[in-house]
Amino acid sequence: GELLNAAGNGELRNFSVDRQLIKSGYTQVVVDVRG
């Protein structure tokens, strides 16, 4: 339950992509590190 709470409380958006942030006027870049 704590894991699901974390996902719903912003952890998932911080880990992947926050579309609300992008729609508010930010560009987000996700890059694979070398190798």
All heavy atoms as atom14 arrays in JSON, in Angstrom:
{
  "sequence": "GELLNAAGNGELRNFSVDRQLIKSGYTQVVVDVRG",
  "atom14_mask": [
    [1, 1, 1, 1, 0, 0, 0, 0, 0, 0, 0, 0, 0, 0],
    [1, 1, 1, 1, 1, 1, 1, 1, 1, 0, 0, 0, 0, 0],
    [1, 1, 1, 1, 1, 1, 1, 1, 0, 0, 0, 0, 0, 0],
    [1, 1, 1, 1, 1, 1, 1, 1, 0, 0, 0, 0, 0, 0],
    [1, 1, 1, 1, 1, 1, 1, 1, 0, 0, 0, 0, 0, 0],
    [1, 1, 1, 1, 1, 0, 0, 0, 0, 0, 0, 0, 0, 0],
    [1, 1, 1, 1, 1, 0, 0, 0, 0, 0, 0, 0, 0, 0],
    [1, 1, 1, 1, 0, 0, 0, 0, 0, 0, 0, 0, 0, 0],
    [1, 1, 1, 1, 1, 1, 1, 1, 0, 0, 0, 0, 0, 0],
    [1, 1, 1, 1, 0, 0, 0, 0, 0, 0, 0, 0, 0, 0],
    [1, 1, 1, 1, 1, 1, 1, 1, 1, 0, 0, 0, 0, 0],
    [1, 1, 1, 1, 1, 1, 1, 1, 0, 0, 0, 0, 0, 0],
    [1, 1, 1, 1, 1, 1, 1, 1, 1, 1, 1, 0, 0, 0],
    [1, 1, 1, 1, 1, 1, 1, 1, 0, 0, 0, 0, 0, 0],
    [1, 1, 1, 1, 1, 1, 1, 1, 1, 1, 1, 0, 0, 0],
    [1, 1, 1, 1, 1, 1, 0, 0, 0, 0, 0, 0, 0, 0],
    [1, 1, 1, 1, 1, 1, 1, 0, 0, 0, 0, 0, 0, 0],
    [1, 1, 1, 1, 1, 1, 1, 1, 0, 0, 0, 0, 0, 0],
    [1, 1, 1, 1, 1, 1, 1, 1, 1, 1, 1, 0, 0, 0],
    [1, 1, 1, 1, 1, 1, 1, 1, 1, 0, 0, 0, 0, 0],
    [1, 1, 1, 1, 1, 1, 1, 1, 0, 0, 0, 0, 0, 0],
    [1, 1, 1, 1, 1, 1, 1, 1, 0, 0, 0, 0, 0, 0],
    [1, 1, 1, 1, 1, 1, 1, 1, 1, 0, 0, 0, 0, 0],
    [1, 1, 1, 1, 1, 1, 0, 0, 0, 0, 0, 0, 0, 0],
    [1, 1, 1, 1, 0, 0, 0, 0, 0, 0, 0, 0, 0, 0],
    [1, 1, 1, 1, 1, 1, 1, 1, 1, 1, 1, 1, 0, 0],
    [1, 1, 1, 1, 1, 1, 1, 0, 0, 0, 0, 0, 0, 0],
    [1, 1, 1, 1, 1, 1, 1, 1, 1, 0, 0, 0, 0, 0],
    [1, 1, 1, 1, 1, 1, 1, 0, 0, 0, 0, 0, 0, 0],
    [1, 1, 1, 1, 1, 1, 1, 0, 0, 0, 0, 0, 0, 0],
    [1, 1, 1, 1, 1, 1, 1, 0, 0, 0, 0, 0, 0, 0],
    [1, 1, 1, 1, 1, 1, 1, 1, 0, 0, 0, 0, 0, 0],
    [1, 1, 1, 1, 1, 1, 1, 0, 0, 0, 0, 0, 0, 0],
    [1, 1, 1, 1, 1, 1, 1, 1, 1, 1, 1, 0, 0, 0],
    [1, 1, 1, 1, 0, 0, 0, 0, 0, 0, 0, 0, 0, 0]
  ],
  "atom14_positions": [
    [[0.82, -1.21, 0.0], [0.0, 0.0, 0.0], [0.85, 1.25, 0.0], [0.54, 2.23, -0.68], [0.0, 0.0, 0.0], [0.0, 0.0, 0.0], [0.0, 0.0, 0.0], [0.0, 0.0, 0.0], [0.0, 0.0, 0.0], [0.0, 0.0, 0.0], [0.0, 0.0, 0.0], [0.0, 0.0, 0.0], [0.0, 0.0, 0.0], [0.0, 0.0, 0.0]],
    [[1.96, 1.24, 0.75], [2.87, 2.38, 0.77], [3.48, 2.61, -0.61], [3.66, 3.76, -1.04], [3.96, 2.14, 1.81], [3.45, 2.12, 3.25], [4.47, 1.54, 4.22], [5.63, 1.31, 3.82], [4.11, 1.31, 5.39], [0.0, 0.0, 0.0], [0.0, 0.0, 0.0], [0.0, 0.0, 0.0], [0.0, 0.0, 0.0], [0.0, 0.0, 0.0]],
    [[3.8, 1.53, -1.32], [4.36, 1.65, -2.67], [3.36, 2.33, -3.61], [3.71, 3.23, -4.38], [4.74, 0.28, -3.21], [5.3, 0.24, -4.63], [6.63, 0.99, -4.71], [5.48, -1.2, -5.1], [0.0, 0.0, 0.0], [0.0, 0.0, 0.0], [0.0, 0.0, 0.0], [0.0, 0.0, 0.0], [0.0, 0.0, 0.0], [0.0, 0.0, 0.0]],
    [[2.09, 1.92, -3.54], [1.07, 2.53, -4.38], [0.83, 3.99, -3.98], [0.66, 4.85, -4.85], [-0.23, 1.73, -4.29], [-0.2, 0.31, -4.86], [-1.53, -0.39, -4.63], [0.15, 0.32, -6.34], [0.0, 0.0, 0.0], [0.0, 0.0, 0.0], [0.0, 0.0, 0.0], [0.0, 0.0, 0.0], [0.0, 0.0, 0.0], [0.0, 0.0, 0.0]],
    [[0.83, 4.26, -2.67], [0.7, 5.65, -2.22], [1.81, 6.51, -2.79], [1.58, 7.63, -3.25], [0.73, 5.73, -0.69], [-0.47, 5.11, -0.01], [-0.4, 4.76, 1.16], [-1.57, 4.96, -0.73], [0.0, 0.0, 0.0], [0.0, 0.0, 0.0], [0.0, 0.0, 0.0], [0.0, 0.0, 0.0], [0.0, 0.0, 0.0], [0.0, 0.0, 0.0]],
    [[3.04, 5.98, -2.76], [4.19, 6.74, -3.28], [4.0, 7.05, -4.76], [4.23, 8.18, -5.21], [5.48, 5.96, -3.06], [0.0, 0.0, 0.0], [0.0, 0.0, 0.0], [0.0, 0.0, 0.0], [0.0, 0.0, 0.0], [0.0, 0.0, 0.0], [0.0, 0.0, 0.0], [0.0, 0.0, 0.0], [0.0, 0.0, 0.0], [0.0, 0.0, 0.0]],
    [[3.57, 6.05, -5.52], [3.35, 6.26, -6.96], [2.32, 7.35, -7.2], [2.48, 8.21, -8.08], [2.91, 4.95, -7.62], [0.0, 0.0, 0.0], [0.0, 0.0, 0.0], [0.0, 0.0, 0.0], [0.0, 0.0, 0.0], [0.0, 0.0, 0.0], [0.0, 0.0, 0.0], [0.0, 0.0, 0.0], [0.0, 0.0, 0.0], [0.0, 0.0, 0.0]],
    [[1.24, 7.33, -6.42], [0.19, 8.33, -6.59], [0.56, 9.7, -6.06], [-0.03, 10.71, -6.46], [0.0, 0.0, 0.0], [0.0, 0.0, 0.0], [0.0, 0.0, 0.0], [0.0, 0.0, 0.0], [0.0, 0.0, 0.0], [0.0, 0.0, 0.0], [0.0, 0.0, 0.0], [0.0, 0.0, 0.0], [0.0, 0.0, 0.0], [0.0, 0.0, 0.0]],
    [[1.54, 9.75, -5.16], [1.91, 11.01, -4.51], [3.08, 11.71, -5.19], [3.77, 12.51, -4.57], [2.23, 10.77, -3.03], [0.99, 10.49, -2.21], [-0.12, 10.81, -2.63], [1.16, 9.88, -1.05], [0.0, 0.0, 0.0], [0.0, 0.0, 0.0], [0.0, 0.0, 0.0], [0.0, 0.0, 0.0], [0.0, 0.0, 0.0], [0.0, 0.0, 0.0]],
    [[3.32, 11.37, -6.45], [4.31, 12.13, -7.22], [5.56, 11.39, -7.58], [6.3, 11.81, -8.47], [0.0, 0.0, 0.0], [0.0, 0.0, 0.0], [0.0, 0.0, 0.0], [0.0, 0.0, 0.0], [0.0, 0.0, 0.0], [0.0, 0.0, 0.0], [0.0, 0.0, 0.0], [0.0, 0.0, 0.0], [0.0, 0.0, 0.0], [0.0, 0.0, 0.0]],
    [[5.85, 10.27, -6.92], [7.1, 9.55, -7.19], [7.16, 9.08, -8.64], [8.21, 9.15, -9.29], [7.23, 8.35, -6.25], [8.56, 7.61, -6.39], [8.6, 6.35, -5.55], [7.68, 5.52, -5.68], [9.55, 6.19, -4.76], [0.0, 0.0, 0.0], [0.0, 0.0, 0.0], [0.0, 0.0, 0.0], [0.0, 0.0, 0.0], [0.0, 0.0, 0.0]],
    [[6.03, 8.61, -9.17], [6.01, 8.1, -10.54], [6.31, 9.21, -11.54], [7.07, 9.03, -12.49], [4.66, 7.46, -10.85], [4.56, 6.71, -12.17], [5.52, 5.53, -12.19], [3.14, 6.21, -12.41], [0.0, 0.0, 0.0], [0.0, 0.0, 0.0], [0.0, 0.0, 0.0], [0.0, 0.0, 0.0], [0.0, 0.0, 0.0], [0.0, 0.0, 0.0]],
    [[5.73, 10.39, -11.33], [5.99, 11.51, -12.22], [7.43, 11.98, -12.11], [8.03, 12.4, -13.1], [5.03, 12.66, -11.91], [3.61, 12.44, -12.46], [2.66, 13.52, -12.02], [1.39, 13.47, -12.76], [0.29, 14.09, -12.39], [0.28, 14.81, -11.28], [-0.81, 13.99, -13.12], [0.0, 0.0, 0.0], [0.0, 0.0, 0.0], [0.0, 0.0, 0.0]],
    [[7.99, 11.92, -10.91], [9.38, 12.34, -10.75], [10.32, 11.36, -11.42], [11.35, 11.74, -11.98], [9.71, 12.48, -9.25], [11.06, 13.12, -9.03], [12.07, 12.46, -9.07], [11.06, 14.43, -8.79], [0.0, 0.0, 0.0], [0.0, 0.0, 0.0], [0.0, 0.0, 0.0], [0.0, 0.0, 0.0], [0.0, 0.0, 0.0], [0.0, 0.0, 0.0]],
    [[9.97, 10.08, -11.38], [10.81, 9.05, -11.98], [10.75, 9.08, -13.5], [11.77, 8.88, -14.17], [10.39, 7.67, -11.48], [11.14, 6.53, -12.14], [12.44, 6.25, -11.79], [10.53, 5.75, -13.12], [13.13, 5.21, -12.39], [11.21, 4.72, -13.73], [12.51, 4.44, -13.37], [0.0, 0.0, 0.0], [0.0, 0.0, 0.0], [0.0, 0.0, 0.0]],
    [[9.57, 9.31, -14.05], [9.42, 9.21, -15.5], [9.24, 10.58, -16.13], [10.19, 11.3, -16.38], [8.25, 8.28, -15.85], [7.03, 8.74, -15.27], [0.0, 0.0, 0.0], [0.0, 0.0, 0.0], [0.0, 0.0, 0.0], [0.0, 0.0, 0.0], [0.0, 0.0, 0.0], [0.0, 0.0, 0.0], [0.0, 0.0, 0.0], [0.0, 0.0, 0.0]],
    [[8.0, 10.95, -16.41], [7.69, 12.21, -17.08], [6.49, 12.84, -16.4], [5.52, 12.16, -16.08], [7.38, 11.97, -18.58], [6.94, 13.26, -19.25], [8.59, 11.4, -19.3], [0.0, 0.0, 0.0], [0.0, 0.0, 0.0], [0.0, 0.0, 0.0], [0.0, 0.0, 0.0], [0.0, 0.0, 0.0], [0.0, 0.0, 0.0], [0.0, 0.0, 0.0]],
    [[6.56, 14.14, -16.18], [5.45, 14.86, -15.57], [4.76, 15.68, -16.66], [5.2, 16.78, -17.01], [5.95, 15.77, -14.45], [4.81, 16.44, -13.69], [3.66, 16.4, -14.17], [5.08, 17.02, -12.63], [0.0, 0.0, 0.0], [0.0, 0.0, 0.0], [0.0, 0.0, 0.0], [0.0, 0.0, 0.0], [0.0, 0.0, 0.0], [0.0, 0.0, 0.0]],
    [[3.66, 15.15, -17.22], [2.97, 15.84, -18.31], [2.34, 17.15, -17.85], [2.23, 18.09, -18.64], [1.91, 14.92, -18.91], [2.52, 13.84, -19.8], [1.5, 12.95, -20.46], [2.16, 12.09, -21.45], [2.04, 12.23, -22.77], [1.25, 13.16, -23.27], [2.68, 11.43, -23.59], [0.0, 0.0, 0.0], [0.0, 0.0, 0.0], [0.0, 0.0, 0.0]],
    [[1.93, 17.23, -16.6], [1.39, 18.5, -16.1], [2.47, 19.58, -16.14], [2.2, 20.73, -16.47], [0.85, 18.32, -14.68], [-0.43, 17.52, -14.59], [-1.6, 18.24, -15.23], [-1.91, 18.03, -16.4], [-2.26, 19.1, -14.45], [0.0, 0.0, 0.0], [0.0, 0.0, 0.0], [0.0, 0.0, 0.0], [0.0, 0.0, 0.0], [0.0, 0.0, 0.0]],
    [[3.67, 19.2, -15.78], [4.78, 20.14, -15.81], [5.04, 20.61, -17.24], [5.22, 21.81, -17.51], [6.03, 19.47, -15.23], [7.28, 20.34, -15.07], [7.1, 21.33, -13.94], [8.5, 19.46, -14.81], [0.0, 0.0, 0.0], [0.0, 0.0, 0.0], [0.0, 0.0, 0.0], [0.0, 0.0, 0.0], [0.0, 0.0, 0.0], [0.0, 0.0, 0.0]],
    [[5.05, 19.67, -18.18], [5.32, 20.0, -19.59], [4.21, 20.89, -20.14], [4.49, 21.92, -20.79], [5.44, 18.71, -20.42], [6.64, 17.89, -19.93], [5.6, 19.02, -21.9], [6.62, 16.45, -20.4], [0.0, 0.0, 0.0], [0.0, 0.0, 0.0], [0.0, 0.0, 0.0], [0.0, 0.0, 0.0], [0.0, 0.0, 0.0], [0.0, 0.0, 0.0]],
    [[2.96, 20.55, -19.87], [1.84, 21.35, -20.38], [1.82, 22.76, -19.79], [1.2, 23.66, -20.36], [0.52, 20.64, -20.08], [0.31, 19.35, -20.88], [-1.0, 18.69, -20.47], [-1.24, 17.4, -21.24], [-2.5, 16.73, -20.84], [0.0, 0.0, 0.0], [0.0, 0.0, 0.0], [0.0, 0.0, 0.0], [0.0, 0.0, 0.0], [0.0, 0.0, 0.0]],
    [[2.48, 22.93, -18.66], [2.51, 24.27, -18.05], [3.59, 25.15, -18.66], [3.73, 26.31, -18.27], [2.73, 24.15, -16.54], [4.07, 23.77, -16.25], [0.0, 0.0, 0.0], [0.0, 0.0, 0.0], [0.0, 0.0, 0.0], [0.0, 0.0, 0.0], [0.0, 0.0, 0.0], [0.0, 0.0, 0.0], [0.0, 0.0, 0.0], [0.0, 0.0, 0.0]],
    [[4.37, 24.59, -19.59], [5.37, 25.42, -20.26], [6.8, 25.06, -19.94], [7.65, 25.95, -19.82], [0.0, 0.0, 0.0], [0.0, 0.0, 0.0], [0.0, 0.0, 0.0], [0.0, 0.0, 0.0], [0.0, 0.0, 0.0], [0.0, 0.0, 0.0], [0.0, 0.0, 0.0], [0.0, 0.0, 0.0], [0.0, 0.0, 0.0], [0.0, 0.0, 0.0]],
    [[7.07, 23.77, -19.8], [8.44, 23.29, -19.65], [8.7, 22.26, -20.74], [7.8, 21.51, -21.14], [8.65, 22.6, -18.29], [8.65, 23.51, -17.1], [7.45, 23.86, -16.47], [9.83, 24.03, -16.58], [7.43, 24.7, -15.37], [9.82, 24.86, -15.47], [8.62, 25.19, -14.87], [8.62, 26.02, -13.77], [0.0, 0.0, 0.0], [0.0, 0.0, 0.0]],
    [[9.95, 22.18, -21.19], [10.39, 21.06, -22.03], [11.11, 20.07, -21.12], [11.91, 20.48, -20.27], [11.34, 21.54, -23.14], [10.67, 22.48, -23.96], [11.79, 20.37, -24.0], [0.0, 0.0, 0.0], [0.0, 0.0, 0.0], [0.0, 0.0, 0.0], [0.0, 0.0, 0.0], [0.0, 0.0, 0.0], [0.0, 0.0, 0.0], [0.0, 0.0, 0.0]],
    [[10.79, 18.78, -21.26], [11.47, 17.77, -20.45], [12.28, 16.86, -21.36], [11.82, 16.43, -22.42], [10.48, 16.95, -19.63], [11.17, 15.96, -18.69], [10.29, 15.55, -17.52], [9.11, 15.84, -17.48], [10.88, 14.85, -16.57], [0.0, 0.0, 0.0], [0.0, 0.0, 0.0], [0.0, 0.0, 0.0], [0.0, 0.0, 0.0], [0.0, 0.0, 0.0]],
    [[13.52, 16.58, -20.95], [14.43, 15.75, -21.71], [14.84, 14.55, -20.85], [15.33, 14.74, -19.73], [15.68, 16.53, -22.15], [16.61, 15.66, -22.98], [15.3, 17.78, -22.92], [0.0, 0.0, 0.0], [0.0, 0.0, 0.0], [0.0, 0.0, 0.0], [0.0, 0.0, 0.0], [0.0, 0.0, 0.0], [0.0, 0.0, 0.0], [0.0, 0.0, 0.0]],
    [[14.61, 13.34, -21.35], [15.0, 12.11, -20.65], [16.07, 11.42, -21.49], [15.82, 11.06, -22.64], [13.8, 11.17, -20.42], [14.25, 9.93, -19.65], [12.69, 11.9, -19.67], [0.0, 0.0, 0.0], [0.0, 0.0, 0.0], [0.0, 0.0, 0.0], [0.0, 0.0, 0.0], [0.0, 0.0, 0.0], [0.0, 0.0, 0.0], [0.0, 0.0, 0.0]],
    [[17.26, 11.24, -20.92], [18.42, 10.75, -21.66], [18.95, 9.46, -21.04], [19.11, 9.37, -19.82], [19.54, 11.81, -21.69], [20.74, 11.31, -22.49], [19.03, 13.13, -22.24], [0.0, 0.0, 0.0], [0.0, 0.0, 0.0], [0.0, 0.0, 0.0], [0.0, 0.0, 0.0], [0.0, 0.0, 0.0], [0.0, 0.0, 0.0], [0.0, 0.0, 0.0]],
    [[19.23, 8.46, -21.89], [19.93, 7.26, -21.43], [21.39, 7.6, -21.18], [22.07, 8.12, -22.08], [19.86, 6.15, -22.49], [18.46, 5.61, -22.7], [17.7, 5.54, -21.72], [18.13, 5.26, -23.85], [0.0, 0.0, 0.0], [0.0, 0.0, 0.0], [0.0, 0.0, 0.0], [0.0, 0.0, 0.0], [0.0, 0.0, 0.0], [0.0, 0.0, 0.0]],
    [[21.9, 7.31, -19.98], [23.32, 7.58, -19.74], [24.17, 6.66, -20.61], [23.72, 5.6, -21.08], [23.7, 7.41, -18.25], [22.89, 8.35, -17.36], [23.55, 5.98, -17.78], [0.0, 0.0, 0.0], [0.0, 0.0, 0.0], [0.0, 0.0, 0.0], [0.0, 0.0, 0.0], [0.0, 0.0, 0.0], [0.0, 0.0, 0.0], [0.0, 0.0, 0.0]],
    [[25.38, 7.07, -20.82], [26.34, 6.34, -21.64], [26.33, 4.84, -21.28], [26.41, 4.45, -20.12], [27.73, 6.92, -21.38], [28.9, 6.18, -21.95], [30.19, 6.84, -21.52], [30.29, 8.21, -22.02], [31.05, 8.59, -23.02], [31.83, 7.71, -23.64], [31.06, 9.85, -23.41], [0.0, 0.0, 0.0], [0.0, 0.0, 0.0], [0.0, 0.0, 0.0]],
    [[26.22, 4.01, -22.33], [26.32, 2.57, -22.14], [25.06, 1.9, -21.65], [25.07, 0.71, -21.35], [0.0, 0.0, 0.0], [0.0, 0.0, 0.0], [0.0, 0.0, 0.0], [0.0, 0.0, 0.0], [0.0, 0.0, 0.0], [0.0, 0.0, 0.0], [0.0, 0.0, 0.0], [0.0, 0.0, 0.0], [0.0, 0.0, 0.0], [0.0, 0.0, 0.0]]
  ]
}
